[in-house]
């Protein structure tokens, strides 16, 4: 295990000093009942152990301070150990990752405090309420604050990591876009130049077989046709090297002409092609029209190269859902170029058509070849995506809900504690006139007729005179005022009779008040 450094030891010593100062000074300034010296020494030792364990074992540190507080007071509330309890709860939320362990610990402290109040407490209900309020405001609230602080730091670190990752992804996307642009240019060169070279070879073939041409010119036309075919093959091989993935959809560039214009230009070059059209055409300039233009251009190029002289039919059928283009070529009447082994044009077209939800077919058809592509109409309306909530916003909302719930529960507990206090104090009031009518030696049953429902739960024993030996004494309030020190009446019973009655003055009252009550007793 790694040994703590000087800085860690210094922080631990400062934390222990912050714990120990209230524990040693609260009794001296009168905030707590005086305690023996050995109890203070044990408390300081336990606080030192809690400070030492707070960094690596914050749950243990909180448990030690909570046990020390319960030992000092059943209600868990003490001025000596309250600051240490709240600080340990804050460190528990700041350094402990799981919330379940902390919640179990809070529940265990609450159960232990309730059990201790029920067994040795003077008045268990108000003590349990005070203990619940102390546990809520002195433990749960600081724990939630520490947890919120830790989560905010983790989210800040995660945000910086995410920003770095997004920067790397942007750089990779830029490089990928550059490579795709290179592939687009290469594919466009393949389609455009390959198509033009095929038409040049087609014109040279028509010139070669024309009537009235000498042998020398026929040989020149044949050489021109062969050179155009060779150039097309070399261009095809070069494009195959430039393209990285034959299955990747081909980027679409503007076509510059319609399907009908493409077919008309091929017919003018000598290709026996016929145009057929039915239904609703594709919208000019959209993705479907450009993709259909690319399919028809590739099919016409292949027909001119590999099946010269074969009749070609370009049929376009427009529908509400999309457009179908079918290019069918018959049997060749002249010798064409042998097929090259690449086939990147058809593969790229298949990937492009399927990427937009269409269908693509290419293969033998009778004595010729057929290419068929269906491209659905592309919707231009885009539903804006709902922005995702930031993780930090979600965490803040959860913490706010937790704090609000805890505050609501605390308000209920405080209200219940105040209600119980008011009920207990107002139902333990013995009127001075009724006290004056009580006579020594009266039977207990007769005296209880004028007594209130409850006696005082926290009697002022320290200010009362010494009770008679063997007598049972009860204390009653002389006034129903709350949150102030009032006079108390003490009645002592023995053998079923009232044997003593005394007035215990409140804190700060002079002897005049006591003499006034003594007048009632005479």
Protein backbone atom coordinates (compact mmCIF):
# COMPACT_ATOMS: atom_id res chain seq x y z
CA UNK A 1 0.00 0.00 0.00
CA UNK A 2 1.29 3.44 -0.89
CA UNK A 3 2.40 5.46 2.13
CA UNK A 4 0.78 8.91 2.55
CA UNK A 5 2.98 11.88 1.75
CA UNK A 6 3.62 14.98 3.87
CA UNK A 7 0.82 16.92 2.19
CA UNK A 8 -1.69 14.15 2.94
CA UNK A 9 -0.57 13.98 6.57
CA UNK A 10 -0.89 17.75 6.89
CA UNK A 11 -4.42 17.70 5.49
CA UNK A 12 -5.35 14.88 7.87
CA UNK A 13 -3.96 16.82 10.85
CA UNK A 14 -5.91 19.95 9.89
CA UNK A 15 -9.07 17.90 9.52
CA UNK A 16 -8.57 16.31 12.94
CA UNK A 17 -8.01 19.76 14.45
CA UNK A 18 -11.27 20.97 12.91
CA UNK A 19 -13.02 17.96 14.46
CA UNK A 20 -11.41 18.28 17.88
CA UNK A 21 -11.82 22.02 18.52
CA UNK A 22 -15.65 21.93 18.95
CA UNK A 23 -15.41 18.71 20.97
CA UNK A 24 -13.00 20.30 23.47
CA UNK A 25 -14.54 23.78 23.70
CA UNK A 26 -18.29 23.14 23.67
CA UNK A 27 -18.37 22.06 27.32
CA UNK A 28 -16.20 24.96 28.46
CA UNK A 29 -18.41 27.64 26.90
CA UNK A 30 -21.62 26.07 28.25
CA UNK A 31 -23.05 24.68 24.99
CA UNK A 32 -23.08 21.13 26.35
CA UNK A 33 -23.54 19.50 29.72
CA UNK A 34 -20.16 19.07 31.43
CA UNK A 35 -18.56 15.68 30.77
CA UNK A 36 -15.73 13.84 32.52
CA UNK A 37 -12.26 14.27 31.13
CA UNK A 38 -11.92 10.65 30.08
CA UNK A 39 -15.01 10.95 27.88
CA UNK A 40 -13.53 13.96 26.11
CA UNK A 41 -10.24 12.11 25.62
CA UNK A 42 -12.00 9.08 24.11
CA UNK A 43 -13.94 11.39 21.81
CA UNK A 44 -10.77 13.09 20.57
CA UNK A 45 -9.19 9.68 19.86
CA UNK A 46 -12.22 8.50 17.91
CA UNK A 47 -12.21 11.76 15.93
CA UNK A 48 -8.53 11.21 15.11
CA UNK A 49 -9.34 7.72 13.79
CA UNK A 50 -12.18 9.17 11.70
CA UNK A 51 -9.91 11.86 10.24
CA UNK A 52 -7.32 9.22 9.34
CA UNK A 53 -9.89 7.00 7.61
CA UNK A 54 -11.80 9.79 5.87
CA UNK A 55 -9.67 9.71 2.70
CA UNK A 56 -9.67 6.01 1.84
CA UNK A 57 -12.62 4.80 3.95
CA UNK A 58 -15.11 7.70 4.18
CA UNK A 59 -17.96 5.37 5.12
CA UNK A 60 -15.99 4.07 8.13
CA UNK A 61 -15.16 7.64 9.17
CA UNK A 62 -18.81 8.65 9.09
CA UNK A 63 -19.81 5.55 11.04
CA UNK A 64 -17.29 6.33 13.79
CA UNK A 65 -18.46 9.90 14.23
CA UNK A 66 -22.14 8.84 14.10
CA UNK A 67 -21.53 6.20 16.80
CA UNK A 68 -19.74 8.81 18.92
CA UNK A 69 -22.67 11.23 18.53
CA UNK A 70 -25.23 8.56 19.46
CA UNK A 71 -23.20 7.68 22.55
CA UNK A 72 -23.17 11.31 23.64
CA UNK A 73 -26.87 11.99 22.94
CA UNK A 74 -29.73 9.69 21.87
CA UNK A 75 -31.08 12.40 19.57
CA UNK A 76 -27.73 12.47 17.65
CA UNK A 77 -27.57 16.24 18.03
CA UNK A 78 -24.52 17.51 19.92
CA UNK A 79 -22.57 20.72 19.54
CA UNK A 80 -19.34 18.82 20.26
CA UNK A 81 -19.60 16.32 17.41
CA UNK A 82 -22.15 17.95 15.07
CA UNK A 83 -19.53 19.75 12.88
CA UNK A 84 -17.49 16.53 12.54
CA UNK A 85 -20.64 14.58 11.62
CA UNK A 86 -21.59 17.05 8.87
CA UNK A 87 -18.02 17.18 7.51
CA UNK A 88 -17.77 13.39 7.37
CA UNK A 89 -21.11 13.24 5.54
CA UNK A 90 -19.78 15.80 3.02
CA UNK A 91 -16.59 13.76 2.51
CA UNK A 92 -18.70 10.61 2.15
CA UNK A 93 -20.61 12.14 -0.77
CA UNK A 94 -17.42 13.57 -2.26
CA UNK A 95 -15.29 10.42 -2.11
CA UNK A 96 -17.66 7.43 -2.10
CA UNK A 97 -18.88 6.31 -5.51
CA UNK A 98 -21.98 4.28 -4.65
CA UNK A 99 -25.01 5.89 -3.08
CA UNK A 100 -26.54 2.63 -1.81
CA UNK A 101 -23.89 2.11 0.89
CA UNK A 102 -24.37 5.64 2.21
CA UNK A 103 -28.14 5.27 2.30
CA UNK A 104 -27.83 1.95 4.16
CA UNK A 105 -25.50 3.62 6.66
CA UNK A 106 -27.95 6.50 7.21
CA UNK A 107 -30.76 4.01 7.76
CA UNK A 108 -28.64 2.04 10.24
CA UNK A 109 -27.80 5.21 12.19
CA UNK A 110 -31.48 6.16 12.28
CA UNK A 111 -32.52 2.72 13.53
CA UNK A 112 -29.80 2.69 16.17
CA UNK A 113 -30.79 6.15 17.39
CA UNK A 114 -34.47 5.20 17.54
CA UNK A 115 -33.67 2.03 19.47
CA UNK A 116 -31.49 3.91 21.95
CA UNK A 117 -34.16 6.57 22.49
CA UNK A 118 -36.78 3.89 23.07
CA UNK A 119 -34.61 2.03 25.59
CA UNK A 120 -32.90 4.78 27.61
CA UNK A 121 -34.53 8.00 26.42
CA UNK A 122 -36.63 10.20 28.68
CA UNK A 123 -39.28 10.97 26.04
CA UNK A 124 -38.73 8.80 22.90
CA UNK A 125 -41.11 10.50 20.39
CA UNK A 126 -39.55 14.00 20.44
CA UNK A 127 -36.06 12.54 20.69
CA UNK A 128 -36.70 10.41 17.57
CA UNK A 129 -37.99 13.46 15.72
CA UNK A 130 -34.93 15.50 16.69
CA UNK A 131 -32.70 12.59 15.66
CA UNK A 132 -34.45 12.33 12.27
CA UNK A 133 -34.06 16.08 11.70
CA UNK A 134 -30.37 15.94 12.65
CA UNK A 135 -29.83 12.95 10.35
CA UNK A 136 -31.56 14.76 7.50
CA UNK A 137 -30.10 18.25 7.80
CA UNK A 138 -26.76 17.32 9.36
CA UNK A 139 -25.99 14.18 7.31
CA UNK A 140 -28.14 13.73 4.19
CA UNK A 141 -27.90 17.35 3.01
CA UNK A 142 -24.08 17.53 3.30
CA UNK A 143 -23.83 14.10 1.63
CA UNK A 144 -25.95 15.31 -1.29
CA UNK A 145 -23.79 18.43 -1.58
CA UNK A 146 -20.59 16.37 -1.68
CA UNK A 147 -22.09 13.97 -4.20
CA UNK A 148 -23.17 16.87 -6.45
CA UNK A 149 -19.69 18.36 -6.20
CA UNK A 150 -18.04 15.05 -7.16
CA UNK A 151 -20.41 14.44 -10.08
CA UNK A 152 -19.85 17.96 -11.41
CA UNK A 153 -16.07 17.41 -11.39
CA UNK A 154 -16.43 14.04 -13.13
CA UNK A 155 -18.70 15.54 -15.76
CA UNK A 156 -16.25 18.38 -16.34
CA UNK A 157 -13.44 15.87 -16.90
CA UNK A 158 -15.69 13.79 -19.16
CA UNK A 159 -16.54 16.95 -21.10
CA UNK A 160 -12.88 17.68 -21.79
CA UNK A 161 -12.32 14.08 -22.88
CA UNK A 162 -15.36 14.26 -25.12
CA UNK A 163 -14.11 17.51 -26.65
CA UNK A 164 -10.75 15.90 -27.42
CA UNK A 165 -12.48 12.85 -28.93
CA UNK A 166 -14.73 15.06 -31.06
CA UNK A 167 -11.68 16.94 -32.27
CA UNK A 168 -10.06 13.67 -33.32
CA UNK A 169 -13.27 12.54 -35.01
CA UNK A 170 -13.50 15.84 -36.87
CA UNK A 171 -9.95 15.40 -38.09
CA UNK A 172 -10.69 11.84 -39.22
CA UNK A 173 -13.91 12.99 -40.91
CA UNK A 174 -11.99 15.68 -42.77
CA UNK A 175 -9.47 13.12 -43.99
CA UNK A 176 -12.28 10.78 -44.96
CA UNK A 177 -14.04 13.57 -46.86
CA UNK A 178 -10.85 14.32 -48.75
CA UNK A 179 -10.49 10.66 -49.75
CA UNK A 180 -14.15 10.52 -50.77
CA UNK A 181 -13.72 13.61 -52.90
CA UNK A 182 -10.77 11.98 -54.61
CA UNK A 183 -12.90 8.89 -55.20
CA UNK A 184 -15.73 11.07 -56.52
CA UNK A 185 -13.45 12.79 -58.99
CA UNK A 186 -12.04 9.45 -60.09
CA UNK A 187 -15.49 7.95 -60.56
CA UNK A 188 -16.70 11.00 -62.44
CA UNK A 189 -13.69 10.72 -64.75
CA UNK A 190 -14.49 7.06 -65.27
CA UNK A 191 -18.13 7.68 -66.12
CA UNK A 192 -17.75 10.83 -68.19
CA UNK A 193 -14.54 10.11 -70.07
CA UNK A 194 -15.34 6.42 -70.43
CA UNK A 195 -18.69 7.29 -71.96
CA UNK A 196 -17.14 9.81 -74.38
CA UNK A 197 -14.37 7.42 -75.37
CA UNK A 198 -16.94 4.71 -76.00
CA UNK A 199 -18.85 7.05 -78.28
CA UNK A 200 -15.62 7.94 -80.12
CA UNK A 201 -14.92 4.24 -80.63
CA UNK A 202 -18.49 3.81 -81.83
CA UNK A 203 -18.10 6.61 -84.38
CA UNK A 204 -14.80 5.16 -85.57
CA UNK A 205 -16.45 1.77 -86.03
CA UNK A 206 -19.23 3.32 -88.10
CA UNK A 207 -16.67 5.16 -90.19
CA UNK A 208 -14.71 1.94 -90.74
CA UNK A 209 -17.67 0.15 -92.35
CA UNK A 210 -19.00 3.10 -94.35
CA UNK A 211 -19.14 2.80 -98.18
CA UNK A 212 -16.78 4.69 -100.49
CA UNK A 213 -13.89 4.74 -98.00
CA UNK A 214 -10.43 3.62 -99.13
CA UNK A 215 -8.43 0.88 -97.46
CA UNK A 216 -5.97 3.36 -96.01
CA UNK A 217 -8.75 5.34 -94.33
CA UNK A 218 -10.45 2.16 -93.16
CA UNK A 219 -7.21 1.10 -91.47
CA UNK A 220 -6.92 4.54 -89.83
CA UNK A 221 -10.50 4.31 -88.54
CA UNK A 222 -9.78 0.83 -87.16
CA UNK A 223 -6.67 2.11 -85.39
CA UNK A 224 -8.68 5.01 -83.95
CA UNK A 225 -11.32 2.62 -82.65
CA UNK A 226 -8.69 0.36 -81.07
CA UNK A 227 -6.90 3.32 -79.47
CA UNK A 228 -10.16 4.59 -77.96
CA UNK A 229 -10.93 1.13 -76.57
CA UNK A 230 -7.42 0.82 -75.10
CA UNK A 231 -7.71 4.27 -73.53
CA UNK A 232 -11.03 3.28 -71.96
CA UNK A 233 -9.49 0.13 -70.49
CA UNK A 234 -6.49 2.02 -69.09
CA UNK A 235 -8.79 4.64 -67.58
CA UNK A 236 -10.82 1.85 -66.01
CA UNK A 237 -7.74 0.30 -64.41
CA UNK A 238 -6.49 3.64 -63.10
CA UNK A 239 -9.86 4.43 -61.55
CA UNK A 240 -9.89 0.99 -59.91
CA UNK A 241 -6.60 1.87 -58.19
CA UNK A 242 -7.84 5.28 -57.05
CA UNK A 243 -11.08 3.93 -55.60
CA UNK A 244 -10.66 2.49 -52.11
CA UNK A 245 -13.88 0.47 -51.77
CA UNK A 246 -15.91 -0.79 -54.69
CA UNK A 247 -18.95 -1.36 -52.46
CA UNK A 248 -19.00 2.23 -51.23
CA UNK A 249 -21.88 4.33 -52.62
CA UNK A 250 -20.76 6.57 -55.47
CA UNK A 251 -21.01 10.25 -54.61
CA UNK A 252 -23.44 11.97 -56.94
CA UNK A 253 -22.31 14.98 -58.94
CA UNK A 254 -24.67 17.14 -60.99
CA UNK A 255 -25.44 15.40 -64.27
CA UNK A 256 -25.70 18.50 -66.45
CA UNK A 257 -28.24 16.90 -68.80
CA UNK A 258 -31.47 14.95 -68.66
CA UNK A 259 -31.98 11.28 -69.47
CA UNK A 260 -33.63 12.11 -72.80
CA UNK A 261 -30.74 14.37 -73.80
CA UNK A 262 -28.27 11.61 -72.89
CA UNK A 263 -30.08 9.09 -75.09
CA UNK A 264 -30.33 11.61 -77.96
CA UNK A 265 -26.58 12.33 -77.84
CA UNK A 266 -25.78 8.60 -77.87
CA UNK A 267 -28.07 8.14 -80.88
CA UNK A 268 -26.34 10.97 -82.72
CA UNK A 269 -23.01 9.16 -82.16
CA UNK A 270 -24.31 6.12 -84.03
CA UNK A 271 -25.61 3.95 -81.17
CA UNK A 272 -28.87 2.24 -82.19
CA UNK A 273 -30.81 3.33 -79.09
CA UNK A 274 -34.53 3.97 -78.66
CA UNK A 275 -36.15 6.11 -75.97
CA UNK A 276 -39.36 5.04 -74.26
CA UNK A 277 -41.04 6.98 -71.51
CA UNK A 278 -44.28 6.49 -69.56
CA UNK A 279 -45.73 7.96 -66.40
CA UNK A 280 -44.51 10.76 -64.18
CA UNK A 281 -40.83 11.68 -64.73
CA UNK A 282 -38.38 12.25 -61.91
CA UNK A 283 -37.99 15.79 -60.72
CA UNK A 284 -35.12 17.50 -62.60
CA UNK A 285 -32.04 18.07 -60.52
CA UNK A 286 -32.98 15.92 -57.52
CA UNK A 287 -31.08 12.90 -56.24
CA UNK A 288 -33.29 10.36 -58.04
CA UNK A 289 -32.89 12.04 -61.46
CA UNK A 290 -29.11 12.31 -61.14
CA UNK A 291 -28.80 8.72 -60.01
CA UNK A 292 -30.94 7.46 -62.93
CA UNK A 293 -28.81 9.50 -65.33
CA UNK A 294 -25.67 7.83 -63.97
CA UNK A 295 -27.22 4.35 -64.33
CA UNK A 296 -28.26 5.00 -67.95
CA UNK A 297 -24.88 6.46 -68.87
CA UNK A 298 -23.01 3.47 -67.47
CA UNK A 299 -25.33 1.01 -69.23
CA UNK A 300 -25.01 2.81 -72.60
CA UNK A 301 -21.23 2.92 -72.22
CA UNK A 302 -21.09 -0.84 -71.59
CA UNK A 303 -23.40 -1.50 -74.56
CA UNK A 304 -21.24 0.59 -76.88
CA UNK A 305 -18.03 -1.12 -75.72
CA UNK A 306 -19.04 -4.75 -75.38
CA UNK A 307 -22.01 -5.09 -77.78
CA UNK A 308 -21.44 -2.71 -80.72
CA UNK A 309 -24.27 -2.71 -83.24
CA UNK A 310 -26.80 -4.24 -80.80
CA UNK A 311 -30.11 -2.41 -80.50
CA UNK A 312 -30.59 -0.68 -77.14
CA UNK A 313 -33.85 0.36 -75.51
CA UNK A 314 -33.95 2.89 -72.66
CA UNK A 315 -37.36 2.70 -70.94
CA UNK A 316 -38.31 5.03 -68.10
CA UNK A 317 -41.46 4.45 -66.05
CA UNK A 318 -42.48 7.10 -63.57
CA UNK A 319 -44.59 6.28 -60.52
CA UNK A 320 -45.82 8.17 -57.50
CA UNK A 321 -43.45 6.20 -55.25
CA UNK A 322 -40.40 6.39 -57.53
CA UNK A 323 -38.95 5.95 -61.03
CA UNK A 324 -37.75 2.83 -62.86
CA UNK A 325 -35.18 2.94 -65.66
CA UNK A 326 -34.50 -0.18 -67.75
CA UNK A 327 -31.69 -0.39 -70.31
CA UNK A 328 -31.91 -3.50 -72.51
CA UNK A 329 -29.38 -4.36 -75.21
CA UNK A 330 -29.69 -7.12 -77.84
CA UNK A 331 -27.10 -9.33 -79.48
CA UNK A 332 -23.96 -7.64 -80.81
CA UNK A 333 -23.51 -7.47 -84.60
CA UNK A 334 -19.83 -6.50 -84.40
CA UNK A 335 -16.81 -7.56 -82.40
CA UNK A 336 -16.62 -5.64 -79.13
CA UNK A 337 -14.00 -5.14 -76.44
CA UNK A 338 -13.45 -8.12 -74.14
CA UNK A 339 -14.88 -7.53 -70.65
CA UNK A 340 -12.36 -6.30 -68.09
CA UNK A 341 -12.27 -7.94 -64.71
CA UNK A 342 -13.09 -4.87 -62.63
CA UNK A 343 -16.79 -4.22 -62.83
CA UNK A 344 -16.48 -1.22 -60.53
CA UNK A 345 -19.09 0.79 -62.40
CA UNK A 346 -21.97 -1.61 -61.78
CA UNK A 347 -20.85 -2.32 -58.21
CA UNK A 348 -20.70 1.37 -57.41
CA UNK A 349 -24.12 1.95 -58.96
CA UNK A 350 -25.61 -0.93 -56.97
CA UNK A 351 -24.25 0.55 -53.71
CA UNK A 352 -25.52 4.03 -54.62
CA UNK A 353 -29.02 2.84 -55.53
CA UNK A 354 -29.43 0.62 -52.46
CA UNK A 355 -28.14 3.38 -50.18
CA UNK A 356 -31.22 5.50 -51.01
CA UNK A 357 -33.64 2.58 -50.57
CA UNK A 358 -33.82 1.53 -54.22
CA UNK A 359 -33.33 -1.72 -56.12
CA UNK A 360 -30.69 -2.57 -58.74
CA UNK A 361 -30.48 -5.52 -61.15
CA UNK A 362 -27.91 -6.26 -63.86
CA UNK A 363 -27.41 -9.47 -65.81
CA UNK A 364 -28.04 -11.49 -68.94
CA UNK A 365 -31.39 -11.07 -70.63
CA UNK A 366 -32.08 -13.35 -73.58
CA UNK A 367 -29.25 -12.88 -76.10
CA UNK A 368 -28.25 -9.53 -74.63
CA UNK A 369 -27.91 -7.71 -71.31
CA UNK A 370 -30.29 -5.74 -69.11
CA UNK A 371 -29.77 -3.15 -66.38
CA UNK A 372 -32.74 -2.17 -64.26
CA UNK A 373 -32.79 0.36 -61.39
CA UNK A 374 -35.67 1.55 -59.20
CA UNK A 375 -35.06 4.78 -57.26
CA UNK A 376 -37.77 5.97 -54.80
CA UNK A 377 -38.64 9.62 -54.62
CA UNK A 378 -36.55 11.36 -51.99
CA UNK A 379 -38.32 13.37 -49.35
CA UNK A 380 -36.94 16.82 -48.85
CA UNK A 381 -38.63 17.52 -45.51
CA UNK A 382 -36.38 16.81 -42.59
CA UNK A 383 -37.74 16.45 -39.10
CA UNK A 384 -35.45 18.33 -36.76
CA UNK A 385 -33.94 16.04 -34.19
CA UNK A 386 -34.68 16.77 -30.60
CA UNK A 387 -31.53 17.96 -28.91
CA UNK A 388 -30.22 15.50 -26.38
CA UNK A 389 -30.07 16.70 -22.81
CA UNK A 390 -26.64 17.35 -21.51
CA UNK A 391 -25.48 14.89 -18.85
CA UNK A 392 -24.70 17.76 -16.47
CA UNK A 393 -28.28 19.05 -16.79
CA UNK A 394 -29.64 15.60 -15.97
CA UNK A 395 -27.36 15.29 -12.93
CA UNK A 396 -28.35 18.74 -11.69
CA UNK A 397 -32.01 17.83 -12.07
CA UNK A 398 -31.56 14.59 -10.12
CA UNK A 399 -29.66 16.38 -7.35
CA UNK A 400 -32.27 19.15 -7.25
CA UNK A 401 -35.02 16.54 -6.93
CA UNK A 402 -33.07 14.83 -4.14
CA UNK A 403 -32.51 18.10 -2.29
CA UNK A 404 -36.14 19.10 -2.73
CA UNK A 405 -37.35 15.75 -1.45
CA UNK A 406 -35.02 15.91 1.53
CA UNK A 407 -36.12 19.49 2.27
CA UNK A 408 -39.77 18.44 2.10
CA UNK A 409 -39.19 15.53 4.44
CA UNK A 410 -37.22 17.79 6.76
CA UNK A 411 -39.99 20.35 6.82
CA UNK A 412 -42.47 17.61 7.72
CA UNK A 413 -40.21 16.32 10.48
CA UNK A 414 -39.62 19.80 11.89
CA UNK A 415 -43.33 20.51 11.79
CA UNK A 416 -44.09 17.21 13.51
CA UNK A 417 -41.44 17.87 16.17
CA UNK A 418 -42.81 21.35 16.85
CA UNK A 419 -46.35 19.99 17.02
CA UNK A 420 -45.34 17.31 19.49
CA UNK A 421 -43.40 19.83 21.58
CA UNK A 422 -46.37 22.19 21.68
CA UNK A 423 -48.75 19.37 22.57
CA UNK A 424 -46.53 17.98 25.34
CA UNK A 425 -45.85 21.39 26.87
CA UNK A 426 -49.42 22.69 26.81
CA UNK A 427 -50.88 19.44 28.19
CA UNK A 428 -48.57 19.42 31.21
CA UNK A 429 -49.70 22.77 32.69
CA UNK A 430 -51.01 22.84 36.26
CA UNK A 431 -52.87 26.05 36.98
CA UNK A 432 -51.50 28.00 39.98
CA UNK A 433 -54.99 28.13 41.52
CA UNK A 434 -55.32 24.34 41.31
CA UNK A 435 -51.82 23.95 42.77
CA UNK A 436 -52.79 26.22 45.69
CA UNK A 437 -55.82 24.07 46.53
CA UNK A 438 -53.74 20.92 46.94
CA UNK A 439 -53.19 19.96 50.61
CA UNK A 440 -50.44 17.80 52.02
CA UNK A 441 -51.69 14.38 53.04
CA UNK A 442 -54.43 14.32 50.40
CA UNK A 443 -54.97 10.91 48.71
CA UNK A 444 -53.32 10.41 45.34
CA UNK A 445 -56.64 9.70 43.63
CA UNK A 446 -58.06 12.99 44.88
CA UNK A 447 -55.00 14.94 43.74
CA UNK A 448 -55.00 13.35 40.25
CA UNK A 449 -58.48 14.74 39.60
CA UNK A 450 -57.04 18.27 39.18
CA UNK A 451 -53.75 17.28 37.51
CA UNK A 452 -53.22 17.68 33.71
CA UNK A 453 -53.01 14.75 31.27
CA UNK A 454 -49.20 14.66 31.18
CA UNK A 455 -46.32 15.49 33.43
CA UNK A 456 -43.11 17.17 32.28
CA UNK A 457 -40.73 14.94 30.33
CA UNK A 458 -37.61 17.04 30.94
CA UNK A 459 -37.96 18.09 34.60
CA UNK A 460 -35.61 20.75 36.05
CA UNK A 461 -33.96 18.42 38.55
CA UNK A 462 -30.86 20.61 38.82
CA UNK A 463 -32.88 23.58 40.16
CA UNK A 464 -35.27 21.61 42.39
CA UNK A 465 -34.70 20.95 46.10
CA UNK A 466 -33.72 17.49 47.27
CA UNK A 467 -36.80 15.22 47.04
CA UNK A 468 -37.98 13.21 50.07
CA UNK A 469 -36.40 9.79 50.39
CA UNK A 470 -38.47 7.03 48.76
CA UNK A 471 -41.03 9.43 47.29
CA UNK A 472 -42.23 9.51 43.65
CA UNK A 473 -42.08 13.07 42.32
CA UNK A 474 -43.87 14.55 39.33
CA UNK A 475 -43.23 17.92 37.66
CA UNK A 476 -45.79 20.19 36.00
CA UNK A 477 -45.48 23.50 34.18
CA UNK A 478 -46.97 26.59 35.75
CA UNK A 479 -47.53 28.27 32.37
CA UNK A 480 -48.21 27.24 28.76
CA UNK A 481 -45.65 29.60 27.23
CA UNK A 482 -43.34 27.96 24.68
CA UNK A 483 -39.61 28.43 24.08
CA UNK A 484 -39.10 30.24 27.39
CA UNK A 485 -38.11 29.06 30.84
CA UNK A 486 -41.17 28.91 33.13
CA UNK A 487 -41.79 27.90 36.74
CA UNK A 488 -42.54 24.26 37.55
CA UNK A 489 -44.58 22.62 40.32
CA UNK A 490 -43.21 19.47 41.93
CA UNK A 491 -45.55 17.04 43.67
CA UNK A 492 -44.14 14.09 45.63
CA UNK A 493 -46.24 11.06 46.59
CA UNK A 494 -45.61 8.21 49.03
CA UNK A 495 -47.93 5.44 50.20
CA UNK A 496 -50.79 6.83 48.15
CA UNK A 497 -50.70 10.35 49.63
CA UNK A 498 -49.23 13.76 48.73
CA UNK A 499 -46.28 14.34 51.06
CA UNK A 500 -44.52 17.35 49.46
CA UNK A 501 -45.21 20.19 47.05
CA UNK A 502 -42.56 22.65 45.82
CA UNK A 503 -42.21 25.49 43.30
CA UNK A 504 -39.16 25.29 41.03
CA UNK A 505 -38.54 28.76 39.55
CA UNK A 506 -37.55 29.19 35.94
CA UNK A 507 -34.10 30.29 34.84
CA UNK A 508 -33.65 34.04 35.43
CA UNK A 509 -36.68 34.51 37.68
CA UNK A 510 -36.18 36.23 41.01
CA UNK A 511 -37.50 34.98 44.29
CA UNK A 512 -40.59 37.18 43.99
CA UNK A 513 -42.24 34.72 41.60
CA UNK A 514 -41.62 31.86 43.97
CA UNK A 515 -43.06 33.78 46.91
CA UNK A 516 -46.18 34.49 44.83
CA UNK A 517 -46.74 30.76 44.25
CA UNK A 518 -45.97 30.01 47.88
CA UNK A 519 -48.87 32.29 48.76
CA UNK A 520 -51.17 29.92 46.84
CA UNK A 521 -49.79 27.02 48.83
CA UNK A 522 -50.68 28.52 52.24
